[in-house]
C-alpha atoms as a PDB file:
ATOM      1  CA  UNK A   1      49.257  18.631 -26.155  1.00  0.00           C
ATOM      2  CA  UNK A   2      49.817  18.259 -22.376  1.00  0.00           C
ATOM      3  CA  UNK A   3      47.052  20.805 -21.700  1.00  0.00           C
ATOM      4  CA  UNK A   4      44.739  18.986 -24.062  1.00  0.00           C
ATOM      5  CA  UNK A   5      45.348  15.650 -22.296  1.00  0.00           C
ATOM      6  CA  UNK A   6      44.869  17.286 -18.943  1.00  0.00           C
ATOM      7  CA  UNK A   7      41.477  18.718 -20.030  1.00  0.00           C
ATOM      8  CA  UNK A   8      40.359  15.379 -21.418  1.00  0.00           C
ATOM      9  CA  UNK A   9      41.385  13.585 -18.227  1.00  0.00           C
ATOM     10  CA  UNK A  10      39.639  16.190 -16.079  1.00  0.00           C
ATOM     11  CA  UNK A  11      36.468  15.889 -18.157  1.00  0.00           C
ATOM     12  CA  UNK A  12      36.597  12.078 -17.801  1.00  0.00           C
ATOM     13  CA  UNK A  13      36.932  12.334 -14.059  1.00  0.00           C
ATOM     14  CA  UNK A  14      34.111  14.850 -13.865  1.00  0.00           C
ATOM     15  CA  UNK A  15      31.914  12.610 -15.973  1.00  0.00           C
ATOM     16  CA  UNK A  16      32.716   9.560 -13.810  1.00  0.00           C
ATOM     17  CA  UNK A  17      32.013  11.497 -10.598  1.00  0.00           C
ATOM     18  CA  UNK A  18      28.712  12.736 -11.962  1.00  0.00           C
ATOM     19  CA  UNK A  19      27.829   9.255 -13.112  1.00  0.00           C
ATOM     20  CA  UNK A  20      28.524   7.845  -9.664  1.00  0.00           C
ATOM     21  CA  UNK A  21      26.406  10.579  -8.014  1.00  0.00           C
ATOM     22  CA  UNK A  22      23.587   9.830 -10.420  1.00  0.00           C
ATOM     23  CA  UNK A  23      23.821   6.069  -9.811  1.00  0.00           C
ATOM     24  CA  UNK A  24      23.583   6.677  -6.048  1.00  0.00           C
ATOM     25  CA  UNK A  25      20.651   9.026  -6.461  1.00  0.00           C
ATOM     26  CA  UNK A  26      18.512   6.566  -8.467  1.00  0.00           C
ATOM     27  CA  UNK A  27      18.248   3.894  -5.747  1.00  0.00           C
ATOM     28  CA  UNK A  28      15.143   4.687  -3.742  1.00  0.00           C
ATOM     29  CA  UNK A  29      14.476   3.270  -0.282  1.00  0.00           C
ATOM     30  CA  UNK A  30      10.928   1.978  -0.146  1.00  0.00           C
ATOM     31  CA  UNK A  31       9.017   1.518   3.048  1.00  0.00           C
ATOM     32  CA  UNK A  32       6.459  -1.255   3.176  1.00  0.00           C
ATOM     33  CA  UNK A  33       4.812  -3.190   5.927  1.00  0.00           C
ATOM     34  CA  UNK A  34       5.063  -6.995   5.702  1.00  0.00           C
ATOM     35  CA  UNK A  35       1.650  -7.615   7.357  1.00  0.00           C
ATOM     36  CA  UNK A  36      -0.738  -6.858   4.532  1.00  0.00           C
ATOM     37  CA  UNK A  37      -1.253 -10.003   2.525  1.00  0.00           C
ATOM     38  CA  UNK A  38      -1.449 -10.216  -0.517  1.00  0.00           C
ATOM     39  CA  UNK A  39      -0.108  -6.639  -0.999  1.00  0.00           C
ATOM     40  CA  UNK A  40       3.116  -7.145   1.050  1.00  0.00           C
ATOM     41  CA  UNK A  41       4.219  -9.955   3.281  1.00  0.00           C
ATOM     42  CA  UNK A  42       7.218 -12.169   4.027  1.00  0.00           C
ATOM     43  CA  UNK A  43       7.488 -15.616   2.385  1.00  0.00           C
ATOM     44  CA  UNK A  44       9.090 -18.646   3.977  1.00  0.00           C
ATOM     45  CA  UNK A  45      12.533 -17.255   3.144  1.00  0.00           C
ATOM     46  CA  UNK A  46      11.676 -13.972   4.912  1.00  0.00           C
ATOM     47  CA  UNK A  47      11.654 -12.168   1.569  1.00  0.00           C
ATOM     48  CA  UNK A  48       9.197  -9.343   0.964  1.00  0.00           C
ATOM     49  CA  UNK A  49       6.665 -10.397  -1.688  1.00  0.00           C
ATOM     50  CA  UNK A  50       3.193  -9.363  -2.789  1.00  0.00           C
ATOM     51  CA  UNK A  51       1.248  -7.249  -5.271  1.00  0.00           C
ATOM     52  CA  UNK A  52       2.766  -3.991  -4.105  1.00  0.00           C
ATOM     53  CA  UNK A  53       6.290  -5.355  -4.180  1.00  0.00           C
ATOM     54  CA  UNK A  54       5.894  -6.694  -7.730  1.00  0.00           C
ATOM     55  CA  UNK A  55       4.286  -3.449  -8.911  1.00  0.00           C
ATOM     56  CA  UNK A  56       7.104  -1.320  -7.509  1.00  0.00           C
ATOM     57  CA  UNK A  57       9.677  -3.606  -9.187  1.00  0.00           C
ATOM     58  CA  UNK A  58       7.906  -3.134 -12.525  1.00  0.00           C
ATOM     59  CA  UNK A  59       7.668   0.570 -12.011  1.00  0.00           C
ATOM     60  CA  UNK A  60      11.379   0.789 -11.237  1.00  0.00           C
ATOM     61  CA  UNK A  61      12.340  -1.230 -14.259  1.00  0.00           C
ATOM     62  CA  UNK A  62      10.124   0.846 -16.555  1.00  0.00           C
ATOM     63  CA  UNK A  63      11.457   4.128 -15.252  1.00  0.00           C
ATOM     64  CA  UNK A  64      15.110   3.069 -14.820  1.00  0.00           C
ATOM     65  CA  UNK A  65      15.704   3.403 -11.116  1.00  0.00           C
ATOM     66  CA  UNK A  66      16.625   0.873  -8.387  1.00  0.00           C
ATOM     67  CA  UNK A  67      14.701   0.129  -5.197  1.00  0.00           C
ATOM     68  CA  UNK A  68      15.597  -1.172  -1.812  1.00  0.00           C
ATOM     69  CA  UNK A  69      12.616  -2.402   0.271  1.00  0.00           C
ATOM     70  CA  UNK A  70      12.644  -1.969   4.016  1.00  0.00           C
ATOM     71  CA  UNK A  71      10.052  -3.684   6.172  1.00  0.00           C
ATOM     72  CA  UNK A  72       8.450  -0.813   8.064  1.00  0.00           C
ATOM     73  CA  UNK A  73       5.764  -1.083  10.770  1.00  0.00           C
ATOM     74  CA  UNK A  74       2.497   0.682   9.951  1.00  0.00           C
ATOM     75  CA  UNK A  75       2.726   2.691  13.139  1.00  0.00           C
ATOM     76  CA  UNK A  76       5.833   4.511  11.959  1.00  0.00           C
ATOM     77  CA  UNK A  77       5.648   4.243   8.177  1.00  0.00           C
ATOM     78  CA  UNK A  78       4.436   7.834   7.633  1.00  0.00           C
ATOM     79  CA  UNK A  79       7.085   9.223  10.036  1.00  0.00           C
ATOM     80  CA  UNK A  80       9.799   7.272   8.204  1.00  0.00           C
ATOM     81  CA  UNK A  81       8.812   9.066   5.052  1.00  0.00           C
ATOM     82  CA  UNK A  82       8.646  12.565   6.619  1.00  0.00           C
ATOM     83  CA  UNK A  83      12.030  12.280   8.330  1.00  0.00           C
ATOM     84  CA  UNK A  84      13.706  11.116   5.133  1.00  0.00           C
ATOM     85  CA  UNK A  85      14.445   7.497   6.097  1.00  0.00           C
ATOM     86  CA  UNK A  86      12.259   6.373   3.118  1.00  0.00           C
ATOM     87  CA  UNK A  87      12.037   7.875  -0.352  1.00  0.00           C
ATOM     88  CA  UNK A  88       8.522   6.571  -0.809  1.00  0.00           C
ATOM     89  CA  UNK A  89       6.145   4.236   0.879  1.00  0.00           C
ATOM     90  CA  UNK A  90       3.668   1.614  -0.420  1.00  0.00           C
ATOM     91  CA  UNK A  91       1.589  -0.460   1.925  1.00  0.00           C
ATOM     92  CA  UNK A  92      -2.016  -0.485   0.763  1.00  0.00           C
ATOM     93  CA  UNK A  93      -2.244   3.182   1.734  1.00  0.00           C
ATOM     94  CA  UNK A  94      -5.595   4.708   1.112  1.00  0.00           C
ATOM     95  CA  UNK A  95      -5.510   8.229  -0.340  1.00  0.00           C
ATOM     96  CA  UNK A  96      -7.382  10.556   2.027  1.00  0.00           C
ATOM     97  CA  UNK A  97      -7.691  14.331   2.243  1.00  0.00           C
ATOM     98  CA  UNK A  98      -6.113  14.264   5.702  1.00  0.00           C
ATOM     99  CA  UNK A  99      -3.067  12.273   4.525  1.00  0.00           C
ATOM    100  CA  UNK A 100      -2.683  14.546   1.504  1.00  0.00           C
ATOM    101  CA  UNK A 101      -2.123  17.471   3.840  1.00  0.00           C
ATOM    102  CA  UNK A 102       1.165  15.947   5.055  1.00  0.00           C
ATOM    103  CA  UNK A 103       2.400  13.722   2.151  1.00  0.00           C
ATOM    104  CA  UNK A 104       2.166  13.685  -1.623  1.00  0.00           C
ATOM    105  CA  UNK A 105       0.449  10.784  -3.362  1.00  0.00           C
ATOM    106  CA  UNK A 106       1.090   9.179  -6.725  1.00  0.00           C
ATOM    107  CA  UNK A 107      -1.830   8.599  -9.081  1.00  0.00           C
ATOM    108  CA  UNK A 108      -4.116   5.889  -7.735  1.00  0.00           C
ATOM    109  CA  UNK A 109      -2.854   2.366  -8.481  1.00  0.00           C
ATOM    110  CA  UNK A 110      -5.553   0.189  -6.902  1.00  0.00           C
ATOM    111  CA  UNK A 111      -9.310   0.692  -6.529  1.00  0.00           C
ATOM    112  CA  UNK A 112     -10.416  -0.262  -3.082  1.00  0.00           C
ATOM    113  CA  UNK A 113     -13.197   0.175  -0.539  1.00  0.00           C
ATOM    114  CA  UNK A 114     -13.944  -1.001   2.978  1.00  0.00           C
ATOM    115  CA  UNK A 115     -15.439  -4.476   3.518  1.00  0.00           C
ATOM    116  CA  UNK A 116     -17.120  -6.060   6.482  1.00  0.00           C
ATOM    117  CA  UNK A 117     -16.145  -9.624   7.230  1.00  0.00           C
ATOM    118  CA  UNK A 118     -18.353 -11.452   9.722  1.00  0.00           C
ATOM    119  CA  UNK A 119     -18.565 -14.840  11.400  1.00  0.00           C
ATOM    120  CA  UNK A 120     -20.785 -17.239   9.367  1.00  0.00           C
ATOM    121  CA  UNK A 121     -23.609 -16.920  11.957  1.00  0.00           C
ATOM    122  CA  UNK A 122     -23.583 -13.091  11.886  1.00  0.00           C
ATOM    123  CA  UNK A 123     -25.766 -11.704   9.132  1.00  0.00           C
ATOM    124  CA  UNK A 124     -25.681  -7.977   8.455  1.00  0.00           C
ATOM    125  CA  UNK A 125     -26.538  -5.598   5.676  1.00  0.00           C
ATOM    126  CA  UNK A 126     -24.323  -2.800   6.797  1.00  0.00           C
ATOM    127  CA  UNK A 127     -22.150  -1.268   9.454  1.00  0.00           C
ATOM    128  CA  UNK A 128     -25.142  -0.070  11.583  1.00  0.00           C
ATOM    129  CA  UNK A 129     -26.166  -3.712  12.058  1.00  0.00           C
ATOM    130  CA  UNK A 130     -22.967  -4.307  14.048  1.00  0.00           C
ATOM    131  CA  UNK A 131     -24.147  -2.049  16.885  1.00  0.00           C
ATOM    132  CA  UNK A 132     -23.597  -3.927  20.184  1.00  0.00           C
ATOM    133  CA  UNK A 133     -21.242  -6.435  18.540  1.00  0.00           C
ATOM    134  CA  UNK A 134     -17.469  -6.651  18.847  1.00  0.00           C
ATOM    135  CA  UNK A 135     -15.571  -5.382  15.757  1.00  0.00           C
ATOM    136  CA  UNK A 136     -11.844  -5.553  15.033  1.00  0.00           C
ATOM    137  CA  UNK A 137      -9.980  -2.877  13.034  1.00  0.00           C
ATOM    138  CA  UNK A 138      -6.465  -1.677  12.416  1.00  0.00           C
ATOM    139  CA  UNK A 139      -5.808   1.405  14.549  1.00  0.00           C
ATOM    140  CA  UNK A 140      -6.137   4.647  12.580  1.00  0.00           C
ATOM    141  CA  UNK A 141      -7.093   2.851   9.384  1.00  0.00           C
ATOM    142  CA  UNK A 142     -10.017   3.675   7.129  1.00  0.00           C
ATOM    143  CA  UNK A 143     -11.917   0.876   8.884  1.00  0.00           C
ATOM    144  CA  UNK A 144     -11.264   2.400  12.267  1.00  0.00           C
ATOM    145  CA  UNK A 145     -12.442   5.828  11.015  1.00  0.00           C
ATOM    146  CA  UNK A 146     -15.689   4.294   9.686  1.00  0.00           C
ATOM    147  CA  UNK A 147     -16.421   2.360  12.892  1.00  0.00           C
ATOM    148  CA  UNK A 148     -15.500   5.365  15.103  1.00  0.00           C
ATOM    149  CA  UNK A 149     -17.884   7.544  13.151  1.00  0.00           C
ATOM    150  CA  UNK A 150     -20.638   4.982  13.465  1.00  0.00           C
ATOM    151  CA  UNK A 151     -20.219   3.826  17.073  1.00  0.00           C
ATOM    152  CA  UNK A 152     -18.080   6.535  18.642  1.00  0.00           C
ATOM    153  CA  UNK A 153     -14.325   6.665  18.970  1.00  0.00           C
ATOM    154  CA  UNK A 154     -14.384   5.576  22.597  1.00  0.00           C
ATOM    155  CA  UNK A 155     -16.804   2.653  21.924  1.00  0.00           C
ATOM    156  CA  UNK A 156     -15.772  -0.509  23.785  1.00  0.00           C
ATOM    157  CA  UNK A 157     -17.169  -2.495  20.874  1.00  0.00           C
ATOM    158  CA  UNK A 158     -14.208  -1.505  18.709  1.00  0.00           C
ATOM    159  CA  UNK A 159     -11.093  -3.604  19.224  1.00  0.00           C
ATOM    160  CA  UNK A 160      -8.036  -1.933  17.620  1.00  0.00           C
ATOM    161  CA  UNK A 161      -4.907  -3.744  16.474  1.00  0.00           C
ATOM    162  CA  UNK A 162      -1.503  -2.784  15.149  1.00  0.00           C
ATOM    163  CA  UNK A 163      -1.856  -4.567  11.878  1.00  0.00           C
ATOM    164  CA  UNK A 164      -4.297  -6.443   9.624  1.00  0.00           C
ATOM    165  CA  UNK A 165      -3.229 -10.025  10.411  1.00  0.00           C
ATOM    166  CA  UNK A 166      -3.887  -9.419  14.115  1.00  0.00           C
ATOM    167  CA  UNK A 167      -7.297  -7.942  13.397  1.00  0.00           C
ATOM    168  CA  UNK A 168      -8.202 -10.874  11.165  1.00  0.00           C
ATOM    169  CA  UNK A 169      -6.859 -13.481  13.546  1.00  0.00           C
ATOM    170  CA  UNK A 170      -9.071 -12.046  16.238  1.00  0.00           C
ATOM    171  CA  UNK A 171     -12.064 -12.669  13.957  1.00  0.00           C
ATOM    172  CA  UNK A 172     -10.715 -16.167  13.054  1.00  0.00           C
ATOM    173  CA  UNK A 173     -10.397 -17.017  16.751  1.00  0.00           C
ATOM    174  CA  UNK A 174     -13.924 -15.838  17.547  1.00  0.00           C
ATOM    175  CA  UNK A 175     -12.835 -12.887  19.635  1.00  0.00           C
ATOM    176  CA  UNK A 176     -15.017 -10.531  17.617  1.00  0.00           C
ATOM    177  CA  UNK A 177     -18.149 -10.818  15.561  1.00  0.00           C
ATOM    178  CA  UNK A 178     -16.806  -8.849  12.607  1.00  0.00           C
ATOM    179  CA  UNK A 179     -13.785  -7.073  11.149  1.00  0.00           C
ATOM    180  CA  UNK A 180     -13.749  -4.000   8.933  1.00  0.00           C
ATOM    181  CA  UNK A 181     -10.944  -3.309   6.451  1.00  0.00           C
ATOM    182  CA  UNK A 182      -9.797  -3.095   2.829  1.00  0.00           C
ATOM    183  CA  UNK A 183     -11.522  -5.287   0.306  1.00  0.00           C
ATOM    184  CA  UNK A 184      -8.400  -6.666  -1.330  1.00  0.00           C
ATOM    185  CA  UNK A 185      -6.956  -8.043   1.882  1.00  0.00           C
ATOM    186  CA  UNK A 186     -10.279  -9.243   3.346  1.00  0.00           C
ATOM    187  CA  UNK A 187     -11.423 -10.962   0.228  1.00  0.00           C
ATOM    188  CA  UNK A 188      -8.075 -12.711  -0.102  1.00  0.00           C
ATOM    189  CA  UNK A 189      -8.221 -13.786   3.541  1.00  0.00           C
ATOM    190  CA  UNK A 190     -11.728 -15.227   3.160  1.00  0.00           C
ATOM    191  CA  UNK A 191     -10.566 -17.098   0.042  1.00  0.00           C
ATOM    192  CA  UNK A 192      -7.619 -18.570   1.954  1.00  0.00           C
ATOM    193  CA  UNK A 193      -9.941 -19.751   4.784  1.00  0.00           C
ATOM    194  CA  UNK A 194     -12.929 -21.312   3.061  1.00  0.00           C
ATOM    195  CA  UNK A 195     -13.725 -23.614   6.038  1.00  0.00           C
ATOM    196  CA  UNK A 196     -14.670 -20.550   8.114  1.00  0.00           C
ATOM    197  CA  UNK A 197     -17.455 -19.505   5.744  1.00  0.00           C
ATOM    198  CA  UNK A 198     -17.039 -15.819   6.450  1.00  0.00           C
ATOM    199  CA  UNK A 199     -19.701 -13.460   5.138  1.00  0.00           C
ATOM    200  CA  UNK A 200     -18.538 -10.468   3.095  1.00  0.00           C
ATOM    201  CA  UNK A 201     -20.646  -7.287   3.062  1.00  0.00           C
ATOM    202  CA  UNK A 202     -20.083  -3.834   1.643  1.00  0.00           C
ATOM    203  CA  UNK A 203     -21.927  -1.116   3.449  1.00  0.00           C
ATOM    204  CA  UNK A 204     -23.762   1.117   0.982  1.00  0.00           C
ATOM    205  CA  UNK A 205     -22.179   4.122   2.635  1.00  0.00           C
ATOM    206  CA  UNK A 206     -18.631   2.880   1.986  1.00  0.00           C
ATOM    207  CA  UNK A 207     -17.213   5.151  -0.693  1.00  0.00           C
ATOM    208  CA  UNK A 208     -14.910   4.015  -3.454  1.00  0.00           C
ATOM    209  CA  UNK A 209     -11.323   4.526  -2.287  1.00  0.00           C
ATOM    210  CA  UNK A 210      -7.920   4.249  -3.906  1.00  0.00           C
ATOM    211  CA  UNK A 211      -4.491   3.209  -2.828  1.00  0.00           C
ATOM    212  CA  UNK A 212      -1.594   5.447  -3.693  1.00  0.00           C
ATOM    213  CA  UNK A 213       2.182   5.500  -3.317  1.00  0.00           C
ATOM    214  CA  UNK A 214       3.277   8.018  -0.642  1.00  0.00           C
ATOM    215  CA  UNK A 215       6.104  10.511  -1.324  1.00  0.00           C
ATOM    216  CA  UNK A 216       7.559  13.086   1.018  1.00  0.00           C
ATOM    217  CA  UNK A 217       5.809  16.436   0.590  1.00  0.00           C
ATOM    218  CA  UNK A 218       7.401  18.485  -2.141  1.00  0.00           C
ATOM    219  CA  UNK A 219       9.736  15.771  -3.488  1.00  0.00           C
ATOM    220  CA  UNK A 220       8.748  16.304  -7.096  1.00  0.00           C
ATOM    221  CA  UNK A 221      11.641  14.212  -8.488  1.00  0.00           C
ATOM    222  CA  UNK A 222      10.563  11.006  -6.763  1.00  0.00           C
ATOM    223  CA  UNK A 223       6.879  11.652  -7.431  1.00  0.00           C
ATOM    224  CA  UNK A 224       7.536  12.203 -11.156  1.00  0.00           C
ATOM    225  CA  UNK A 225       9.606   9.014 -11.373  1.00  0.00           C
ATOM    226  CA  UNK A 226       6.899   7.017  -9.628  1.00  0.00           C
ATOM    227  CA  UNK A 227       4.089   8.433 -11.714  1.00  0.00           C
ATOM    228  CA  UNK A 228       5.890   8.070 -14.984  1.00  0.00           C
ATOM    229  CA  UNK A 229       6.829   4.494 -14.206  1.00  0.00           C
ATOM    230  CA  UNK A 230       3.243   3.652 -13.162  1.00  0.00           C
ATOM    231  CA  UNK A 231       1.928   5.187 -16.436  1.00  0.00           C
ATOM    232  CA  UNK A 232       4.294   2.984 -18.388  1.00  0.00           C
ATOM    233  CA  UNK A 233       3.461  -0.317 -16.668  1.00  0.00           C
ATOM    234  CA  UNK A 234      -0.249   0.302 -17.077  1.00  0.00           C
ATOM    235  CA  UNK A 235       0.162   1.016 -20.796  1.00  0.00           C
ATOM    236  CA  UNK A 236       2.578  -1.914 -21.357  1.00  0.00           C
ATOM    237  CA  UNK A 237       0.300  -4.480 -19.775  1.00  0.00           C
ATOM    238  CA  UNK A 238       2.801  -5.228 -16.925  1.00  0.00           C
ATOM    239  CA  UNK A 239       0.274  -3.933 -14.391  1.00  0.00           C
ATOM    240  CA  UNK A 240      -2.388  -6.336 -15.639  1.00  0.00           C
ATOM    241  CA  UNK A 241       0.022  -9.304 -15.337  1.00  0.00           C
ATOM    242  CA  UNK A 242       0.927  -8.427 -11.740  1.00  0.00           C
ATOM    243  CA  UNK A 243      -2.770  -7.964 -10.871  1.00  0.00           C
ATOM    244  CA  UNK A 244      -3.712 -11.329 -12.341  1.00  0.00           C
ATOM    245  CA  UNK A 245      -0.875 -13.036 -10.511  1.00  0.00           C
ATOM    246  CA  UNK A 246      -2.139 -11.993  -7.146  1.00  0.00           C
ATOM    247  CA  UNK A 247      -5.888 -11.701  -7.594  1.00  0.00           C
ATOM    248  CA  UNK A 248      -6.561 -14.125 -10.489  1.00  0.00           C
ATOM    249  CA  UNK A 249      -8.822 -11.687 -12.224  1.00  0.00           C
ATOM    250  CA  UNK A 250      -8.750  -9.091 -15.001  1.00  0.00           C
ATOM    251  CA  UNK A 251      -7.323  -5.865 -13.699  1.00  0.00           C
ATOM    252  CA  UNK A 252      -9.485  -2.749 -13.561  1.00  0.00           C
ATOM    253  CA  UNK A 253      -7.735   0.177 -15.214  1.00  0.00           C
ATOM    254  CA  UNK A 254      -6.350   2.543 -12.560  1.00  0.00           C
ATOM    255  CA  UNK A 255      -6.532   6.297 -13.078  1.00  0.00           C
ATOM    256  CA  UNK A 256      -3.471   7.357 -15.065  1.00  0.00           C
ATOM    257  CA  UNK A 257      -1.374  10.319 -13.950  1.00  0.00           C
ATOM    258  CA  UNK A 258      -2.502  13.513 -15.706  1.00  0.00           C
ATOM    259  CA  UNK A 259       0.962  15.019 -15.879  1.00  0.00           C
END
């Protein structure tokens, strides 16, 4: 009887210990930059809010894990993932072949492409028409890559900034003729500043792009949790609700994970 009680107690302790370890393992630290309205930004209470934030919360709820958001500057967000400070990152990150060499991506969750935003008196049909004009971009972004390819990486016409608000404020202040960046952010910014009468143009050469959630290379557990959760929120309609909340439109259906 004593041995039986001992074995039961030992099993209970083992189960409790395992449960505590599991509980600790299912809270993921999420890196996101609070300078990418409406995807992620700080409200008046300094809380992280936005489309990406709401989407991750829905994914976590659907898949049964917890998340802790950490405001992470764009300049170090990839390094924070690689060195283990973040379990995954979401910050309007375009999936590119170069980035896929160093991190793993979830299935695409947002269809995007680059957009040219110009002053109301600047009329262009494409990126080439901006030759000789000042253009603001976020350093090392898809917009920077496109402008560098068109005008040369060392071109003095390209003004690089650490984040999107700074690049857009330079346009707002008249410091540049145009800005190049992601459609979701730029269209939202133009909508929020109707008095500026910004022109929005998509260069025909701008390819369709997709945002993905970044996971440390080889971390299959986190990647599976994120992809399974994403699949569930798309199928349940939760994704569509979050999309409508932030963009006021019917959500396009993202590509579902194949596994």
